[in-house]
Amino acid sequence: MISIPTQNVIQLAAGFLINFVAFNTQGFIEESVINSVSRNGSINKHAGYYSLAIIYAFYTLGNLTAAQIVDVLTPKWAMCIGALCYGSFQVGFLFLNSTYLYVTSAVLGFGASILWTGQGSYLSQNCTKETTGRMSALLWAIHECCLIGGGIMIFVVFTLTASHDVIPNFSIKLLYSIFTVLSIMAAIVFSLLREPVYKKEKQSCYKKLMTSTFRLMITKKMWLLAVIFSYAGIEQAFWTGIYPTCVSFTRQLAYNTNALLALNLICVGVGQVSAGLLLGILGDKARKLGRDYLILIATLIHVLAYILCGLNFPSNASLVKTDDFGLLWTPNIYVALANGVMLGFADCCWNTQIMSLLCETYPEECAQAFAIFKFYESALSCATFIFSSLVSLHWLLATLATFSILALISFFIVEREHTETTPSESVEIENRI
């Protein structure tokens, strides 16, 4: 029989699956949708990038107070409200205009901060030290099925409605109506969550809680973790928004690049889910191998993906629709889809190991630790979206590769320090007994 903590994590994952079938799918097509609508002059053609930048800017600011808000509302209701904020953004595409888009981008950013901090807090309250790795992998594998589901959805819609270079208005309204309904359904799933098994007491002094967040932020270990969190934000911005735009804008790949965009989304989902399932099935074996070696594998996969991306896509593919060739060869559809799988696989490894590390290292300050994680992640995602609208793809890929190496080094240092201090802590406890 499935244990209650596992049931809770599965329901939590189901809520995220439903919510992010909507949001991750729209993130993949947002710039292409806005580029299509912009042809009548009603909105800036790069408004999708600006919208994503606003989302991550307010997400960053929201994370400064997210731990306190989650503690007041409880993780369950914080996630419920967060999902409704996502819904308010999705509905705006039914009557797309820049004012509503930018305002609800800010609302969504705030909602995301309490949604993800609530997730980290609820997850940690249903885990023990021995189960954090498995639970994190289980949560991520189920959650990232949203990419496969979303990819199938938009592939069917784009194929049936003959959406090629331009996405028809009918297709936009159909998709975003579905996305809005899914966000509301996710809020309902979150509202039905049970109390966590290892529930922590509420903080009585919220000033103290906020102070502890900032105090934790300036510790030596957190400075090292900040490099890791920052890379997670940069690569997240790349695979969720920039890489799909490259696929959609590169006409040399295929005639119907929007349908190809859907196939890429499915491939990223396959990479995410397969990595999550693999880590979950391996369980204790993955734990014995060590988080640092899993991160090394993820980094090598990421760097290979960046190199192939640079060779396969023209340097202007992230900015405009182009008929140009890649650095060494004509853009190849199979390389593009394989890249999607690799980006998804490596992203899952990074995120599950970060979540596992935080749950294990900061069991009593998990909400604060996750809020700081999301603060740095969102800040760098915001900066990446702005940066990507100003520079060519190849400069962006060079930045990604550099940060991946820095993050790998930081992760090795943090993990080594953690494994060295844990045994001594155990001995100290035994001596006290």
Protein backbone atom coordinates (compact mmCIF):
# COMPACT_ATOMS: atom_id res chain seq x y z
CA MET A 1 0.00 0.00 0.00
CA ILE A 2 1.21 3.52 -0.84
CA SER A 3 2.26 5.43 2.28
CA ILE A 4 0.48 8.67 3.21
CA PRO A 5 3.58 10.86 2.59
CA THR A 6 3.88 9.35 -0.90
CA GLN A 7 0.16 9.91 -1.54
CA ASN A 8 0.57 13.54 -0.51
CA VAL A 9 3.55 14.04 -2.83
CA ILE A 10 1.67 12.39 -5.72
CA GLN A 11 -1.29 14.73 -5.22
CA LEU A 12 1.09 17.70 -4.98
CA ALA A 13 2.73 16.57 -8.23
CA ALA A 14 -0.68 16.15 -9.89
CA GLY A 15 -1.55 19.77 -9.09
CA PHE A 16 1.73 20.95 -10.60
CA LEU A 17 1.23 18.68 -13.60
CA ILE A 18 -2.18 20.23 -14.36
CA ASN A 19 -1.02 23.82 -13.75
CA PHE A 20 2.12 23.48 -15.85
CA VAL A 21 0.48 21.67 -18.74
CA ALA A 22 -0.93 25.17 -19.15
CA PHE A 23 1.94 27.46 -18.21
CA ASN A 24 4.96 25.58 -19.59
CA THR A 25 3.11 24.94 -22.85
CA GLN A 26 2.18 28.60 -23.22
CA GLY A 27 5.75 29.59 -22.34
CA PHE A 28 6.96 27.56 -25.31
CA ILE A 29 4.58 29.28 -27.73
CA GLU A 30 4.15 32.74 -26.13
CA GLU A 31 6.73 34.55 -28.26
CA SER A 32 5.46 32.82 -31.42
CA VAL A 33 1.85 33.70 -30.55
CA ILE A 34 2.72 37.34 -29.91
CA ASN A 35 4.83 37.47 -33.06
CA SER A 36 1.75 36.32 -35.01
CA VAL A 37 -0.59 38.84 -33.35
CA SER A 38 1.95 41.68 -33.75
CA ARG A 39 1.55 41.62 -37.51
CA ASN A 40 -1.55 43.81 -37.18
CA GLY A 41 0.45 46.32 -35.11
CA SER A 42 -1.53 45.80 -31.88
CA ILE A 43 1.44 44.66 -29.78
CA ASN A 44 5.25 44.70 -29.84
CA LYS A 45 6.67 41.58 -31.53
CA HIS A 46 9.09 41.03 -28.61
CA ALA A 47 6.38 41.49 -25.95
CA GLY A 48 6.66 37.77 -25.14
CA TYR A 49 10.25 38.22 -23.98
CA TYR A 50 9.29 41.38 -22.05
CA SER A 51 6.38 39.54 -20.44
CA LEU A 52 8.62 36.69 -19.32
CA ALA A 53 11.14 39.21 -17.98
CA ILE A 54 8.39 40.91 -15.90
CA ILE A 55 7.19 37.54 -14.63
CA TYR A 56 10.65 36.64 -13.38
CA ALA A 57 11.32 40.15 -12.01
CA PHE A 58 8.22 40.01 -9.78
CA TYR A 59 8.92 36.37 -9.03
CA THR A 60 12.32 37.49 -7.75
CA LEU A 61 10.86 40.23 -5.54
CA GLY A 62 8.08 37.94 -4.32
CA ASN A 63 10.58 35.39 -3.08
CA LEU A 64 11.87 37.90 -0.52
CA THR A 65 8.58 37.60 1.39
CA ALA A 66 7.32 34.23 0.10
CA ALA A 67 8.42 32.22 3.16
CA GLN A 68 6.43 34.48 5.49
CA ILE A 69 3.33 34.45 3.27
CA VAL A 70 3.43 30.66 2.95
CA ASP A 71 3.76 30.35 6.73
CA VAL A 72 0.67 32.55 7.22
CA LEU A 73 -1.47 30.94 4.51
CA THR A 74 -0.06 27.38 4.91
CA PRO A 75 1.54 25.70 1.87
CA LYS A 76 -1.80 24.34 0.65
CA TRP A 77 -3.59 27.69 0.36
CA ALA A 78 -0.49 29.50 -0.86
CA MET A 79 -0.28 27.08 -3.79
CA CYS A 80 -4.02 27.42 -4.43
CA ILE A 81 -3.78 31.23 -4.68
CA GLY A 82 -0.63 30.90 -6.77
CA ALA A 83 -2.43 28.70 -9.34
CA LEU A 84 -5.24 31.27 -9.63
CA CYS A 85 -2.63 33.96 -10.37
CA TYR A 86 -1.47 31.78 -13.28
CA GLY A 87 -5.07 31.59 -14.50
CA SER A 88 -5.44 35.38 -14.49
CA PHE A 89 -2.47 35.58 -16.86
CA GLN A 90 -3.71 32.88 -19.25
CA VAL A 91 -7.14 34.46 -19.73
CA GLY A 92 -5.53 37.67 -21.01
CA PHE A 93 -4.55 35.99 -24.29
CA LEU A 94 -8.23 35.75 -25.20
CA PHE A 95 -8.18 39.55 -25.70
CA LEU A 96 -4.45 40.19 -26.04
CA ASN A 97 -3.22 43.71 -25.29
CA SER A 98 0.07 44.91 -23.84
CA THR A 99 -1.33 46.61 -20.68
CA TYR A 100 -3.17 43.53 -19.39
CA LEU A 101 -0.29 41.28 -20.47
CA TYR A 102 2.31 43.20 -18.47
CA VAL A 103 0.08 43.69 -15.38
CA THR A 104 -0.88 40.02 -15.16
CA SER A 105 2.74 39.05 -15.82
CA ALA A 106 3.53 40.83 -12.53
CA VAL A 107 0.60 39.08 -10.79
CA LEU A 108 1.77 35.71 -12.09
CA GLY A 109 5.31 36.43 -10.90
CA PHE A 110 4.09 37.01 -7.36
CA GLY A 111 1.86 33.92 -7.55
CA ALA A 112 4.80 31.82 -8.72
CA SER A 113 6.87 32.83 -5.69
CA ILE A 114 4.32 31.52 -3.19
CA LEU A 115 3.46 28.51 -5.37
CA TRP A 116 7.03 27.21 -5.57
CA THR A 117 7.94 28.10 -1.98
CA GLY A 118 4.74 26.34 -0.90
CA GLN A 119 5.79 23.30 -2.91
CA GLY A 120 9.20 23.15 -1.24
CA SER A 121 7.68 23.55 2.22
CA TYR A 122 4.97 20.92 1.65
CA LEU A 123 7.47 18.49 0.11
CA SER A 124 9.90 18.82 3.03
CA GLN A 125 7.07 18.19 5.51
CA ASN A 126 6.34 14.86 3.81
CA CYS A 127 9.97 13.65 3.61
CA THR A 128 12.61 12.20 5.86
CA LYS A 129 16.36 12.38 5.22
CA GLU A 130 16.21 8.92 3.65
CA THR A 131 13.30 9.70 1.29
CA THR A 132 14.12 13.22 0.05
CA GLY A 133 15.91 12.03 -3.10
CA ARG A 134 13.18 9.56 -4.07
CA MET A 135 10.33 11.95 -3.27
CA SER A 136 11.98 14.81 -5.20
CA ALA A 137 12.46 12.56 -8.24
CA LEU A 138 8.87 11.27 -8.01
CA LEU A 139 7.50 14.81 -7.77
CA TRP A 140 9.59 16.01 -10.71
CA ALA A 141 8.79 13.01 -12.96
CA ILE A 142 5.02 13.40 -12.52
CA HIS A 143 5.16 17.19 -12.72
CA GLU A 144 7.19 17.20 -15.96
CA CYS A 145 4.69 14.91 -17.71
CA CYS A 146 3.05 18.29 -18.35
CA LEU A 147 5.54 18.86 -21.17
CA ILE A 148 4.52 15.69 -22.98
CA GLY A 149 0.81 16.38 -22.50
CA GLY A 150 1.17 20.01 -23.56
CA GLY A 151 3.28 19.06 -26.57
CA ILE A 152 0.69 16.57 -27.80
CA MET A 153 -2.05 19.18 -27.33
CA ILE A 154 -0.43 21.92 -29.38
CA PHE A 155 0.80 19.44 -32.01
CA VAL A 156 -2.79 18.33 -32.63
CA VAL A 157 -4.11 21.92 -32.64
CA PHE A 158 -1.36 23.28 -34.92
CA THR A 159 -1.69 20.33 -37.32
CA LEU A 160 -5.50 20.39 -37.55
CA THR A 161 -5.67 24.19 -37.92
CA ALA A 162 -2.79 24.33 -40.44
CA SER A 163 -0.77 26.69 -38.21
CA HIS A 164 2.48 27.16 -40.11
CA ASP A 165 4.31 30.49 -40.15
CA VAL A 166 1.47 32.36 -38.41
CA ILE A 167 -0.68 30.98 -35.57
CA PRO A 168 -4.36 31.69 -36.37
CA ASN A 169 -6.45 33.69 -33.89
CA PHE A 170 -8.82 30.72 -33.49
CA SER A 171 -5.95 28.46 -32.39
CA ILE A 172 -4.76 31.07 -29.86
CA LYS A 173 -8.21 31.45 -28.28
CA LEU A 174 -8.77 27.67 -28.17
CA LEU A 175 -5.42 26.96 -26.49
CA TYR A 176 -5.60 29.75 -23.93
CA SER A 177 -9.19 28.85 -22.99
CA ILE A 178 -7.92 25.35 -22.18
CA PHE A 179 -4.94 26.80 -20.29
CA THR A 180 -7.21 28.99 -18.13
CA VAL A 181 -9.46 26.06 -17.19
CA LEU A 182 -6.43 23.92 -16.30
CA SER A 183 -5.08 26.59 -13.93
CA ILE A 184 -8.42 26.67 -12.10
CA MET A 185 -8.42 22.86 -11.87
CA ALA A 186 -4.92 22.95 -10.37
CA ALA A 187 -6.11 25.39 -7.69
CA ILE A 188 -8.88 22.93 -6.78
CA VAL A 189 -6.39 20.04 -6.50
CA PHE A 190 -4.17 22.11 -4.18
CA SER A 191 -7.16 23.10 -2.02
CA LEU A 192 -7.86 19.39 -1.39
CA LEU A 193 -4.36 18.55 -0.12
CA ARG A 194 -4.18 16.84 3.28
CA GLU A 195 -2.15 18.10 6.20
CA PRO A 196 1.54 17.13 5.77
CA VAL A 197 2.74 14.15 7.80
CA TYR A 198 5.69 15.89 9.48
CA LYS A 199 3.97 19.22 9.96
CA LYS A 200 6.11 22.03 11.38
CA GLU A 201 4.90 24.61 13.85
CA LYS A 202 4.03 28.06 12.54
CA GLN A 203 6.40 30.87 13.34
CA SER A 204 4.92 33.27 15.89
CA CYS A 205 7.19 36.16 14.94
CA TYR A 206 7.17 36.99 11.24
CA LYS A 207 9.79 39.67 11.66
CA LYS A 208 12.08 36.95 12.99
CA LEU A 209 11.14 34.70 10.07
CA MET A 210 12.03 37.42 7.54
CA THR A 211 15.26 38.15 9.39
CA SER A 212 16.19 34.46 9.32
CA THR A 213 15.69 34.41 5.54
CA PHE A 214 18.13 37.28 5.01
CA ARG A 215 20.53 35.87 7.60
CA LEU A 216 20.53 32.52 5.79
CA MET A 217 21.10 34.30 2.48
CA ILE A 218 24.48 35.73 3.58
CA THR A 219 26.00 32.51 4.92
CA LYS A 220 29.07 31.06 3.18
CA LYS A 221 27.24 27.94 2.04
CA MET A 222 24.38 30.00 0.60
CA TRP A 223 26.82 32.14 -1.40
CA LEU A 224 28.09 28.96 -3.04
CA LEU A 225 24.54 27.73 -3.54
CA ALA A 226 23.69 31.09 -5.15
CA VAL A 227 25.94 30.20 -8.10
CA ILE A 228 24.03 26.91 -8.51
CA PHE A 229 20.65 28.62 -8.18
CA SER A 230 21.69 31.25 -10.72
CA TYR A 231 22.65 28.64 -13.29
CA ALA A 232 19.33 26.87 -12.71
CA GLY A 233 17.62 30.15 -13.61
CA ILE A 234 19.68 30.74 -16.75
CA GLU A 235 19.21 27.26 -18.17
CA GLN A 236 15.51 27.32 -17.23
CA ALA A 237 15.02 30.50 -19.25
CA PHE A 238 16.83 28.88 -22.16
CA TRP A 239 14.87 25.64 -22.44
CA THR A 240 11.46 27.13 -21.57
CA GLY A 241 11.51 30.23 -23.75
CA ILE A 242 14.58 30.79 -25.90
CA TYR A 243 15.26 27.35 -27.34
CA PRO A 244 11.61 26.80 -28.41
CA THR A 245 11.73 30.21 -30.13
CA CYS A 246 14.86 29.10 -32.03
CA VAL A 247 13.01 25.97 -33.19
CA SER A 248 9.97 27.98 -34.27
CA PHE A 249 11.98 30.74 -36.01
CA THR A 250 14.34 28.45 -37.99
CA ARG A 251 12.53 27.87 -41.30
CA GLN A 252 15.24 25.48 -42.53
CA LEU A 253 14.05 22.82 -40.04
CA ALA A 254 10.63 22.19 -41.56
CA TYR A 255 7.70 23.88 -43.25
CA ASN A 256 5.39 23.69 -40.25
CA THR A 257 7.75 24.97 -37.56
CA ASN A 258 4.88 25.42 -35.07
CA ALA A 259 4.08 21.69 -35.19
CA LEU A 260 7.81 21.08 -34.80
CA LEU A 261 7.70 23.33 -31.73
CA ALA A 262 5.17 20.90 -30.24
CA LEU A 263 7.40 17.92 -31.02
CA ASN A 264 10.30 19.68 -29.29
CA LEU A 265 8.11 20.21 -26.22
CA ILE A 266 7.34 16.48 -26.17
CA CYS A 267 11.05 15.67 -26.47
CA VAL A 268 11.95 17.95 -23.55
CA GLY A 269 9.20 16.23 -21.55
CA VAL A 270 10.57 12.79 -22.43
CA GLY A 271 13.98 13.90 -21.17
CA GLN A 272 12.53 15.31 -17.94
CA VAL A 273 10.30 12.33 -17.15
CA SER A 274 12.89 9.68 -18.07
CA ALA A 275 15.46 11.33 -15.78
CA GLY A 276 12.93 11.60 -12.95
CA LEU A 277 11.85 7.98 -13.31
CA LEU A 278 15.45 6.79 -13.55
CA LEU A 279 16.45 8.63 -10.37
CA GLY A 280 13.31 7.42 -8.61
CA ILE A 281 13.82 3.77 -9.62
CA LEU A 282 17.51 3.81 -8.75
CA GLY A 283 16.64 5.26 -5.32
CA ASP A 284 19.34 4.11 -2.89
CA LYS A 285 21.78 3.38 -5.75
CA ALA A 286 21.55 6.99 -6.91
CA ARG A 287 22.03 8.13 -3.31
CA LYS A 288 25.18 5.99 -2.97
CA LEU A 289 26.54 7.32 -6.27
CA GLY A 290 26.22 10.82 -4.85
CA ARG A 291 24.52 14.04 -5.87
CA ASP A 292 27.80 15.54 -7.08
CA TYR A 293 28.38 12.80 -9.66
CA LEU A 294 24.80 13.07 -10.89
CA ILE A 295 25.37 16.79 -11.35
CA LEU A 296 28.60 16.08 -13.25
CA ILE A 297 26.65 13.90 -15.69
CA ALA A 298 24.00 16.62 -16.04
CA THR A 299 26.64 19.26 -16.75
CA LEU A 300 28.31 17.17 -19.46
CA ILE A 301 24.93 16.62 -21.12
CA HIS A 302 24.14 20.34 -20.93
CA VAL A 303 27.46 21.41 -22.45
CA LEU A 304 27.04 18.89 -25.29
CA ALA A 305 23.53 20.24 -25.93
CA TYR A 306 24.82 23.84 -26.06
CA ILE A 307 27.55 22.89 -28.54
CA LEU A 308 25.08 21.07 -30.80
CA CYS A 309 22.65 23.97 -30.55
CA GLY A 310 25.33 26.40 -31.69
CA LEU A 311 26.24 24.16 -34.63
CA ASN A 312 22.64 23.46 -35.62
CA PHE A 313 21.01 26.91 -35.41
CA PRO A 314 21.89 30.25 -37.04
CA SER A 315 23.04 32.97 -34.65
CA ASN A 316 19.88 35.08 -35.20
CA ALA A 317 17.40 32.21 -34.62
CA SER A 318 16.45 33.44 -31.16
CA LEU A 319 15.50 36.91 -32.44
CA VAL A 320 13.83 36.71 -35.87
CA LYS A 321 12.40 34.18 -38.30
CA THR A 322 15.33 33.16 -40.43
CA ASP A 323 16.34 31.11 -43.47
CA ASP A 324 20.04 31.17 -42.50
CA PHE A 325 22.16 28.08 -41.91
CA GLY A 326 23.78 26.77 -38.74
CA LEU A 327 27.43 27.32 -37.89
CA LEU A 328 28.63 24.15 -39.66
CA TRP A 329 25.61 22.57 -41.34
CA THR A 330 22.02 23.06 -42.47
CA PRO A 331 19.67 23.04 -39.42
CA ASN A 332 18.67 19.42 -38.79
CA ILE A 333 15.33 18.44 -37.28
CA TYR A 334 16.70 15.31 -35.58
CA VAL A 335 19.53 17.20 -33.90
CA ALA A 336 17.02 19.82 -32.72
CA LEU A 337 14.74 17.18 -31.16
CA ALA A 338 17.66 15.27 -29.60
CA ASN A 339 18.78 18.56 -28.08
CA GLY A 340 15.34 18.91 -26.51
CA VAL A 341 15.68 15.49 -24.84
CA MET A 342 19.14 16.36 -23.49
CA LEU A 343 18.02 19.76 -22.15
CA GLY A 344 15.09 18.13 -20.36
CA PHE A 345 17.15 15.26 -18.92
CA ALA A 346 19.88 17.53 -17.55
CA ASP A 347 17.39 20.07 -16.16
CA CYS A 348 15.62 17.32 -14.21
CA CYS A 349 18.94 16.14 -12.73
CA TRP A 350 19.85 19.66 -11.61
CA ASN A 351 16.48 20.44 -10.05
CA THR A 352 15.92 17.14 -8.24
CA GLN A 353 19.42 17.22 -6.74
CA ILE A 354 19.02 20.86 -5.65
CA MET A 355 15.66 20.05 -4.04
CA SER A 356 17.11 16.99 -2.32
CA LEU A 357 20.10 18.96 -1.04
CA LEU A 358 17.94 21.77 0.37
CA CYS A 359 15.44 19.41 2.07
CA GLU A 360 18.31 17.49 3.67
CA THR A 361 20.52 20.47 4.58
CA TYR A 362 17.84 22.88 5.83
CA PRO A 363 15.05 20.72 7.36
CA GLU A 364 14.04 23.44 9.83
CA GLU A 365 14.47 26.36 7.41
CA CYS A 366 13.19 24.72 4.25
CA ALA A 367 10.72 27.47 3.28
CA GLN A 368 13.46 30.10 3.65
CA ALA A 369 15.97 27.98 1.68
CA PHE A 370 13.50 27.36 -1.16
CA ALA A 371 12.55 31.05 -1.22
CA ILE A 372 16.24 31.97 -1.63
CA PHE A 373 16.64 29.28 -4.31
CA LYS A 374 13.72 30.69 -6.27
CA PHE A 375 14.93 34.27 -5.69
CA TYR A 376 18.23 33.64 -7.45
CA GLU A 377 16.69 31.35 -10.05
CA SER A 378 14.03 33.87 -11.05
CA ALA A 379 16.43 36.84 -10.98
CA LEU A 380 18.77 35.15 -13.45
CA SER A 381 15.86 33.91 -15.61
CA CYS A 382 14.66 37.51 -15.83
CA ALA A 383 18.15 38.75 -16.74
CA THR A 384 18.52 35.98 -19.32
CA PHE A 385 15.29 36.89 -21.11
CA ILE A 386 16.41 40.52 -21.31
CA PHE A 387 19.92 39.49 -22.37
CA SER A 388 18.53 37.15 -25.05
CA SER A 389 16.61 40.00 -26.72
CA LEU A 390 19.89 41.95 -27.11
CA VAL A 391 22.52 39.39 -28.17
CA SER A 392 22.85 36.58 -30.70
CA LEU A 393 22.25 32.94 -29.84
CA HIS A 394 25.94 32.00 -29.87
CA TRP A 395 26.85 34.58 -27.20
CA LEU A 396 24.01 33.25 -25.07
CA LEU A 397 25.22 29.66 -25.46
CA ALA A 398 28.76 30.68 -24.44
CA THR A 399 27.32 32.26 -21.27
CA LEU A 400 25.33 29.11 -20.49
CA ALA A 401 28.35 26.84 -20.88
CA THR A 402 30.49 29.08 -18.64
CA PHE A 403 27.89 29.21 -15.88
CA SER A 404 27.36 25.44 -16.04
CA ILE A 405 31.03 24.84 -15.19
CA LEU A 406 30.95 27.39 -12.34
CA ALA A 407 27.78 25.80 -10.94
CA LEU A 408 29.34 22.32 -11.13
CA ILE A 409 32.38 23.48 -9.13
CA SER A 410 30.14 25.14 -6.52
CA PHE A 411 27.98 22.03 -6.21
CA PHE A 412 31.04 19.83 -5.63
CA ILE A 413 32.26 22.15 -2.86
CA VAL A 414 28.86 22.31 -1.10
CA GLU A 415 28.25 18.58 -1.37
CA ARG A 416 31.73 17.71 -0.07
CA GLU A 417 31.27 20.03 2.90
CA HIS A 418 27.87 18.49 3.62
CA THR A 419 29.10 14.88 3.48
CA GLU A 420 32.08 15.74 5.70
CA THR A 421 30.01 17.49 8.40
CA THR A 422 27.11 15.02 8.52
CA PRO A 423 29.06 12.10 10.10
CA SER A 424 30.54 14.39 12.77
CA GLU A 425 27.07 15.68 13.61
CA SER A 426 25.89 12.09 14.09
CA VAL A 427 28.80 11.33 16.42
CA GLU A 428 28.08 14.48 18.42
CA ILE A 429 24.45 13.44 18.88
CA GLU A 430 25.50 9.94 19.98
CA ASN A 431 27.94 11.40 22.52
CA ARG A 432 25.19 13.58 23.99
CA ILE A 433 22.98 10.53 24.35
